[in-house]
Amino acid sequence: MSQVERDELAHDPLWVARRLLGCELRSVSPDGEVRVRLVEVEAYRGGDDPASHCYRGRTERNAVMFGPAGHLYVYFVYGMHFCINVVCLTDGVPGAVLLRAGEITAGHDLARLRRPAVRKDDQLASGPARLASVLGITRDHNGIDLTAPDSPIGLHNGHPVDEDDVRTGPRVGVAAAMDLPWRSWVDGSPAVSPYRRGGRRRARERA
């Protein structure tokens, strides 16, 4: 499958979120290869989105979100999990799409080794922490270019998702702007994560 080009990601996060559904994220490491078809995502902007890491401006932590598009933004939550995001918009304008869930399309055995406590295969990458874990993505991958041909983590075009199969709703676990319908998912996919309304305790699970 062909890689997604940078220009296709240099758009508003809401548009990019819809574009990412059905795409495949491919991760190659010394342990092997895992591919995941994306079935749930969340859009985040910058200064006009109080749920975003960039709402209060640029910092060392969120610098990758300021572009250019097509890079991976990785952050740590709850002292134990990584979450991964695809940076979008133009260079200097912050925005990203949080990757929430996917279906394993290759590398099932390695995915199971990385998530041994998960009993069902369709739950291996259900939720942002599990998704990052099965792909072997850590803070070391922050800033990696998903559009580079030689990148160990690449974003590839998959089978398009029919518009009738896409659903939208509130983002998960945010403490601000929690009712905005900026989460998108593939209806009927067993990998889509359960919805949990946000609040103060889950304020950090965002992009």
C-alpha atoms as a PDB file:
ATOM      1  CA  MET A   1       0.000   0.000   0.000  1.00  0.00           C
ATOM      2  CA  SER A   2       1.196   3.527  -0.767  1.00  0.00           C
ATOM      3  CA  GLN A   3       2.165   5.909   2.011  1.00  0.00           C
ATOM      4  CA  VAL A   4      -0.020   8.890   2.811  1.00  0.00           C
ATOM      5  CA  GLU A   5       1.636  12.094   1.580  1.00  0.00           C
ATOM      6  CA  ARG A   6       2.342  15.091   3.790  1.00  0.00           C
ATOM      7  CA  ASP A   7       0.089  17.413   1.767  1.00  0.00           C
ATOM      8  CA  GLU A   8      -2.878  15.163   2.527  1.00  0.00           C
ATOM      9  CA  LEU A   9      -2.369  15.771   6.257  1.00  0.00           C
ATOM     10  CA  ALA A  10      -1.821  19.548   6.095  1.00  0.00           C
ATOM     11  CA  HIS A  11      -5.504  20.281   6.724  1.00  0.00           C
ATOM     12  CA  ASP A  12      -7.871  20.931   9.598  1.00  0.00           C
ATOM     13  CA  PRO A  13      -7.756  18.104  12.181  1.00  0.00           C
ATOM     14  CA  LEU A  14     -11.461  17.357  11.712  1.00  0.00           C
ATOM     15  CA  TRP A  15     -10.902  16.683   8.014  1.00  0.00           C
ATOM     16  CA  VAL A  16      -7.731  14.691   8.653  1.00  0.00           C
ATOM     17  CA  ALA A  17      -9.479  12.587  11.311  1.00  0.00           C
ATOM     18  CA  ARG A  18     -11.994  11.408   8.743  1.00  0.00           C
ATOM     19  CA  ARG A  19      -9.199  10.835   6.207  1.00  0.00           C
ATOM     20  CA  LEU A  20      -7.298   8.589   8.624  1.00  0.00           C
ATOM     21  CA  LEU A  21     -10.129   6.109   9.142  1.00  0.00           C
ATOM     22  CA  GLY A  22      -9.283   2.987   7.173  1.00  0.00           C
ATOM     23  CA  CYS A  23      -5.603   3.911   6.829  1.00  0.00           C
ATOM     24  CA  GLU A  24      -2.932   1.535   8.101  1.00  0.00           C
ATOM     25  CA  LEU A  25      -0.150   2.352  10.534  1.00  0.00           C
ATOM     26  CA  ARG A  26       2.888   0.096  10.009  1.00  0.00           C
ATOM     27  CA  SER A  27       5.569  -0.284  12.662  1.00  0.00           C
ATOM     28  CA  VAL A  28       8.815  -2.156  12.021  1.00  0.00           C
ATOM     29  CA  SER A  29      11.276  -2.967  14.807  1.00  0.00           C
ATOM     30  CA  PRO A  30      13.957  -5.605  15.502  1.00  0.00           C
ATOM     31  CA  ASP A  31      11.124  -7.710  16.966  1.00  0.00           C
ATOM     32  CA  GLY A  32       9.138  -7.710  13.741  1.00  0.00           C
ATOM     33  CA  GLU A  33       6.314  -5.857  12.015  1.00  0.00           C
ATOM     34  CA  VAL A  34       2.811  -4.941  13.161  1.00  0.00           C
ATOM     35  CA  ARG A  35       0.152  -3.284  11.031  1.00  0.00           C
ATOM     36  CA  VAL A  36      -3.025  -1.711  12.360  1.00  0.00           C
ATOM     37  CA  ARG A  37      -6.068  -0.472  10.430  1.00  0.00           C
ATOM     38  CA  LEU A  38      -7.315   2.714  12.117  1.00  0.00           C
ATOM     39  CA  VAL A  39     -10.966   2.588  13.194  1.00  0.00           C
ATOM     40  CA  GLU A  40     -11.230   5.339  15.849  1.00  0.00           C
ATOM     41  CA  VAL A  41      -9.634   8.794  16.025  1.00  0.00           C
ATOM     42  CA  GLU A  42     -10.073  12.184  17.753  1.00  0.00           C
ATOM     43  CA  ALA A  43      -9.341  15.664  16.410  1.00  0.00           C
ATOM     44  CA  TYR A  44      -7.555  18.371  18.415  1.00  0.00           C
ATOM     45  CA  ARG A  45      -6.721  21.927  17.399  1.00  0.00           C
ATOM     46  CA  GLY A  46      -4.602  24.546  19.183  1.00  0.00           C
ATOM     47  CA  GLY A  47      -5.481  27.959  20.557  1.00  0.00           C
ATOM     48  CA  ASP A  48      -9.224  27.551  20.026  1.00  0.00           C
ATOM     49  CA  ASP A  49      -9.418  24.088  21.618  1.00  0.00           C
ATOM     50  CA  PRO A  50      -9.194  24.120  25.444  1.00  0.00           C
ATOM     51  CA  ALA A  51      -8.822  20.312  25.470  1.00  0.00           C
ATOM     52  CA  SER A  52      -5.608  20.477  23.439  1.00  0.00           C
ATOM     53  CA  HIS A  53      -2.056  20.329  24.766  1.00  0.00           C
ATOM     54  CA  CYS A  54      -1.378  23.436  22.643  1.00  0.00           C
ATOM     55  CA  TYR A  55      -4.169  25.588  24.054  1.00  0.00           C
ATOM     56  CA  ARG A  56      -1.746  27.646  26.175  1.00  0.00           C
ATOM     57  CA  GLY A  57       0.993  27.863  23.576  1.00  0.00           C
ATOM     58  CA  ARG A  58       4.150  26.135  22.519  1.00  0.00           C
ATOM     59  CA  THR A  59       6.294  24.202  25.002  1.00  0.00           C
ATOM     60  CA  GLU A  60       9.139  21.709  24.744  1.00  0.00           C
ATOM     61  CA  ARG A  61       6.619  18.904  25.252  1.00  0.00           C
ATOM     62  CA  ASN A  62       4.124  19.892  22.546  1.00  0.00           C
ATOM     63  CA  ALA A  63       6.538  21.383  19.968  1.00  0.00           C
ATOM     64  CA  VAL A  64       5.951  18.553  17.470  1.00  0.00           C
ATOM     65  CA  MET A  65       2.270  19.529  17.259  1.00  0.00           C
ATOM     66  CA  PHE A  66       3.291  22.822  15.656  1.00  0.00           C
ATOM     67  CA  GLY A  67       4.304  21.001  12.494  1.00  0.00           C
ATOM     68  CA  PRO A  68       5.134  20.222   9.884  1.00  0.00           C
ATOM     69  CA  ALA A  69       2.281  17.829   9.192  1.00  0.00           C
ATOM     70  CA  GLY A  70       2.848  14.103   8.951  1.00  0.00           C
ATOM     71  CA  HIS A  71       4.969  13.670  12.062  1.00  0.00           C
ATOM     72  CA  LEU A  72       4.162  11.540  15.095  1.00  0.00           C
ATOM     73  CA  TYR A  73       3.387  13.267  18.402  1.00  0.00           C
ATOM     74  CA  VAL A  74       3.837  10.875  21.345  1.00  0.00           C
ATOM     75  CA  TYR A  75       3.046  11.712  24.955  1.00  0.00           C
ATOM     76  CA  PHE A  76       2.960   9.862  28.287  1.00  0.00           C
ATOM     77  CA  VAL A  77      -0.165   9.643  30.486  1.00  0.00           C
ATOM     78  CA  TYR A  78      -0.860   8.411  34.011  1.00  0.00           C
ATOM     79  CA  GLY A  79       2.819   7.545  34.444  1.00  0.00           C
ATOM     80  CA  MET A  80       2.398   4.310  32.485  1.00  0.00           C
ATOM     81  CA  HIS A  81       0.932   4.704  28.981  1.00  0.00           C
ATOM     82  CA  PHE A  82       1.871   6.303  25.667  1.00  0.00           C
ATOM     83  CA  CYS A  83      -0.603   7.906  23.277  1.00  0.00           C
ATOM     84  CA  ILE A  84       0.129   8.601  19.612  1.00  0.00           C
ATOM     85  CA  ASN A  85      -1.073  11.375  17.329  1.00  0.00           C
ATOM     86  CA  VAL A  86      -0.694  12.375  13.697  1.00  0.00           C
ATOM     87  CA  VAL A  87       0.293  16.040  13.344  1.00  0.00           C
ATOM     88  CA  CYS A  88      -1.697  18.037  10.790  1.00  0.00           C
ATOM     89  CA  LEU A  89      -2.300  21.644   9.604  1.00  0.00           C
ATOM     90  CA  THR A  90       0.601  23.773   8.364  1.00  0.00           C
ATOM     91  CA  ASP A  91       4.016  24.405   9.882  1.00  0.00           C
ATOM     92  CA  GLY A  92       3.654  26.722  12.887  1.00  0.00           C
ATOM     93  CA  VAL A  93      -0.076  26.098  13.341  1.00  0.00           C
ATOM     94  CA  PRO A  94      -0.773  23.394  15.965  1.00  0.00           C
ATOM     95  CA  GLY A  95      -3.143  20.517  15.419  1.00  0.00           C
ATOM     96  CA  ALA A  96      -3.176  16.733  15.640  1.00  0.00           C
ATOM     97  CA  VAL A  97      -5.366  13.665  15.523  1.00  0.00           C
ATOM     98  CA  LEU A  98      -5.210  11.209  18.421  1.00  0.00           C
ATOM     99  CA  LEU A  99      -5.254   7.587  17.252  1.00  0.00           C
ATOM    100  CA  ARG A 100      -7.655   5.802  19.565  1.00  0.00           C
ATOM    101  CA  ALA A 101      -8.149   2.286  18.187  1.00  0.00           C
ATOM    102  CA  GLY A 102      -7.321  -0.076  15.363  1.00  0.00           C
ATOM    103  CA  GLU A 103      -7.689  -3.581  14.003  1.00  0.00           C
ATOM    104  CA  ILE A 104      -4.535  -5.721  13.672  1.00  0.00           C
ATOM    105  CA  THR A 105      -3.961  -6.616  10.006  1.00  0.00           C
ATOM    106  CA  ALA A 106      -0.447  -8.083  10.291  1.00  0.00           C
ATOM    107  CA  GLY A 107       1.844  -9.176  13.099  1.00  0.00           C
ATOM    108  CA  HIS A 108      -0.802 -10.740  15.336  1.00  0.00           C
ATOM    109  CA  ASP A 109       1.687 -12.907  17.235  1.00  0.00           C
ATOM    110  CA  LEU A 110       3.926  -9.961  18.104  1.00  0.00           C
ATOM    111  CA  ALA A 111       0.891  -7.873  19.071  1.00  0.00           C
ATOM    112  CA  ARG A 112      -0.196 -10.627  21.480  1.00  0.00           C
ATOM    113  CA  LEU A 113       3.293 -10.765  23.006  1.00  0.00           C
ATOM    114  CA  ARG A 114       3.139  -7.043  23.654  1.00  0.00           C
ATOM    115  CA  ARG A 115      -0.358  -7.219  25.181  1.00  0.00           C
ATOM    116  CA  PRO A 116      -0.465 -10.655  26.882  1.00  0.00           C
ATOM    117  CA  ALA A 117      -3.271  -9.723  29.279  1.00  0.00           C
ATOM    118  CA  VAL A 118      -5.728  -8.955  26.462  1.00  0.00           C
ATOM    119  CA  ARG A 119      -7.870 -12.019  25.821  1.00  0.00           C
ATOM    120  CA  LYS A 120      -9.643 -11.115  22.566  1.00  0.00           C
ATOM    121  CA  ASP A 121      -7.731 -10.304  19.372  1.00  0.00           C
ATOM    122  CA  ASP A 122     -10.153  -7.536  18.426  1.00  0.00           C
ATOM    123  CA  GLN A 123      -9.296  -5.752  21.687  1.00  0.00           C
ATOM    124  CA  LEU A 124      -5.504  -5.793  21.226  1.00  0.00           C
ATOM    125  CA  ALA A 125      -5.477  -2.218  19.888  1.00  0.00           C
ATOM    126  CA  SER A 126      -8.748  -0.998  21.404  1.00  0.00           C
ATOM    127  CA  GLY A 127      -7.906   2.273  23.141  1.00  0.00           C
ATOM    128  CA  PRO A 128      -4.976   4.684  22.646  1.00  0.00           C
ATOM    129  CA  ALA A 129      -2.627   3.017  25.156  1.00  0.00           C
ATOM    130  CA  ARG A 130      -3.131  -0.459  23.710  1.00  0.00           C
ATOM    131  CA  LEU A 131      -2.710   0.866  20.178  1.00  0.00           C
ATOM    132  CA  ALA A 132       0.655   2.423  21.010  1.00  0.00           C
ATOM    133  CA  SER A 133       1.736  -0.704  22.895  1.00  0.00           C
ATOM    134  CA  VAL A 134       1.027  -3.257  20.138  1.00  0.00           C
ATOM    135  CA  LEU A 135       2.913  -1.057  17.686  1.00  0.00           C
ATOM    136  CA  GLY A 136       5.869  -0.798  20.077  1.00  0.00           C
ATOM    137  CA  ILE A 137       5.723   3.004  20.043  1.00  0.00           C
ATOM    138  CA  THR A 138       7.350   4.933  22.896  1.00  0.00           C
ATOM    139  CA  ARG A 139       8.564   8.457  23.596  1.00  0.00           C
ATOM    140  CA  ASP A 140      11.650   7.643  21.486  1.00  0.00           C
ATOM    141  CA  HIS A 141       9.405   7.805  18.407  1.00  0.00           C
ATOM    142  CA  ASN A 142       8.163  11.319  19.121  1.00  0.00           C
ATOM    143  CA  GLY A 143       8.649  13.475  16.017  1.00  0.00           C
ATOM    144  CA  ILE A 144       9.196  10.623  13.576  1.00  0.00           C
ATOM    145  CA  ASP A 145       8.112  11.359   9.996  1.00  0.00           C
ATOM    146  CA  LEU A 146       5.246   9.029   9.045  1.00  0.00           C
ATOM    147  CA  THR A 147       5.473  10.035   5.382  1.00  0.00           C
ATOM    148  CA  ALA A 148       9.173   9.236   4.838  1.00  0.00           C
ATOM    149  CA  PRO A 149       9.706   6.100   2.700  1.00  0.00           C
ATOM    150  CA  ASP A 150      12.409   4.763   5.036  1.00  0.00           C
ATOM    151  CA  SER A 151      10.553   5.541   8.282  1.00  0.00           C
ATOM    152  CA  PRO A 152      10.231   2.587  10.724  1.00  0.00           C
ATOM    153  CA  ILE A 153       6.688   3.804  11.383  1.00  0.00           C
ATOM    154  CA  GLY A 154       4.689   4.660   8.295  1.00  0.00           C
ATOM    155  CA  LEU A 155       1.153   5.790   7.537  1.00  0.00           C
ATOM    156  CA  HIS A 156      -0.314   3.971   4.536  1.00  0.00           C
ATOM    157  CA  ASN A 157      -3.462   4.237   2.478  1.00  0.00           C
ATOM    158  CA  GLY A 158      -5.903   1.446   3.268  1.00  0.00           C
ATOM    159  CA  HIS A 159      -9.330   0.487   2.063  1.00  0.00           C
ATOM    160  CA  PRO A 160     -11.586   3.589   2.095  1.00  0.00           C
ATOM    161  CA  VAL A 161     -14.361   3.640   4.689  1.00  0.00           C
ATOM    162  CA  ASP A 162     -17.835   4.329   3.313  1.00  0.00           C
ATOM    163  CA  GLU A 163     -19.360   7.531   4.643  1.00  0.00           C
ATOM    164  CA  ASP A 164     -22.428   5.591   5.837  1.00  0.00           C
ATOM    165  CA  ASP A 165     -20.168   3.549   8.131  1.00  0.00           C
ATOM    166  CA  VAL A 166     -18.625   6.554   9.920  1.00  0.00           C
ATOM    167  CA  ARG A 167     -20.024   7.813  13.219  1.00  0.00           C
ATOM    168  CA  THR A 168     -19.069  10.901  15.227  1.00  0.00           C
ATOM    169  CA  GLY A 169     -19.480  11.846  18.871  1.00  0.00           C
ATOM    170  CA  PRO A 170     -17.865  13.539  21.898  1.00  0.00           C
ATOM    171  CA  ARG A 171     -14.182  13.018  22.635  1.00  0.00           C
ATOM    172  CA  VAL A 172     -13.204  10.616  25.400  1.00  0.00           C
ATOM    173  CA  GLY A 173     -11.756  11.590  28.758  1.00  0.00           C
ATOM    174  CA  VAL A 174     -11.291  15.351  28.242  1.00  0.00           C
ATOM    175  CA  ALA A 175     -12.113  17.881  30.946  1.00  0.00           C
ATOM    176  CA  ALA A 176     -12.829  20.789  28.574  1.00  0.00           C
ATOM    177  CA  ALA A 177     -14.905  21.105  25.402  1.00  0.00           C
ATOM    178  CA  MET A 178     -16.085  17.580  26.191  1.00  0.00           C
ATOM    179  CA  ASP A 179     -19.288  17.775  24.133  1.00  0.00           C
ATOM    180  CA  LEU A 180     -17.690  18.641  20.798  1.00  0.00           C
ATOM    181  CA  PRO A 181     -18.342  15.752  18.357  1.00  0.00           C
ATOM    182  CA  TRP A 182     -14.706  15.523  17.280  1.00  0.00           C
ATOM    183  CA  ARG A 183     -14.294  11.770  17.721  1.00  0.00           C
ATOM    184  CA  SER A 184     -14.865   9.618  14.633  1.00  0.00           C
ATOM    185  CA  TRP A 185     -15.081   5.858  14.362  1.00  0.00           C
ATOM    186  CA  VAL A 186     -16.024   3.008  12.049  1.00  0.00           C
ATOM    187  CA  ASP A 187     -19.449   1.747  12.989  1.00  0.00           C
ATOM    188  CA  GLY A 188     -19.538  -1.954  13.817  1.00  0.00           C
ATOM    189  CA  SER A 189     -15.815  -2.405  14.376  1.00  0.00           C
ATOM    190  CA  PRO A 190     -15.249  -4.491  17.541  1.00  0.00           C
ATOM    191  CA  ALA A 191     -11.985  -2.621  18.160  1.00  0.00           C
ATOM    192  CA  VAL A 192     -13.654   0.740  18.846  1.00  0.00           C
ATOM    193  CA  SER A 193     -13.020   1.680  22.477  1.00  0.00           C
ATOM    194  CA  PRO A 194     -15.826   2.223  25.035  1.00  0.00           C
ATOM    195  CA  TYR A 195     -16.982   5.811  25.439  1.00  0.00           C
ATOM    196  CA  ARG A 196     -16.219   7.435  28.803  1.00  0.00           C
ATOM    197  CA  ARG A 197     -17.296  10.986  29.448  1.00  0.00           C
ATOM    198  CA  GLY A 198     -14.494  13.294  30.520  1.00  0.00           C
ATOM    199  CA  GLY A 199     -13.795  14.961  33.809  1.00  0.00           C
ATOM    200  CA  ARG A 200     -10.935  16.170  35.955  1.00  0.00           C
ATOM    201  CA  ARG A 201      -9.512  12.709  36.603  1.00  0.00           C
ATOM    202  CA  ARG A 202      -9.126  12.005  32.873  1.00  0.00           C
ATOM    203  CA  ALA A 203      -8.026  15.436  31.782  1.00  0.00           C
ATOM    204  CA  ARG A 204      -4.607  14.298  30.545  1.00  0.00           C
ATOM    205  CA  GLU A 205      -5.823  11.674  28.051  1.00  0.00           C
ATOM    206  CA  ARG A 206      -5.851  14.027  25.084  1.00  0.00           C
ATOM    207  CA  ALA A 207      -3.640  15.450  22.360  1.00  0.00           C
END
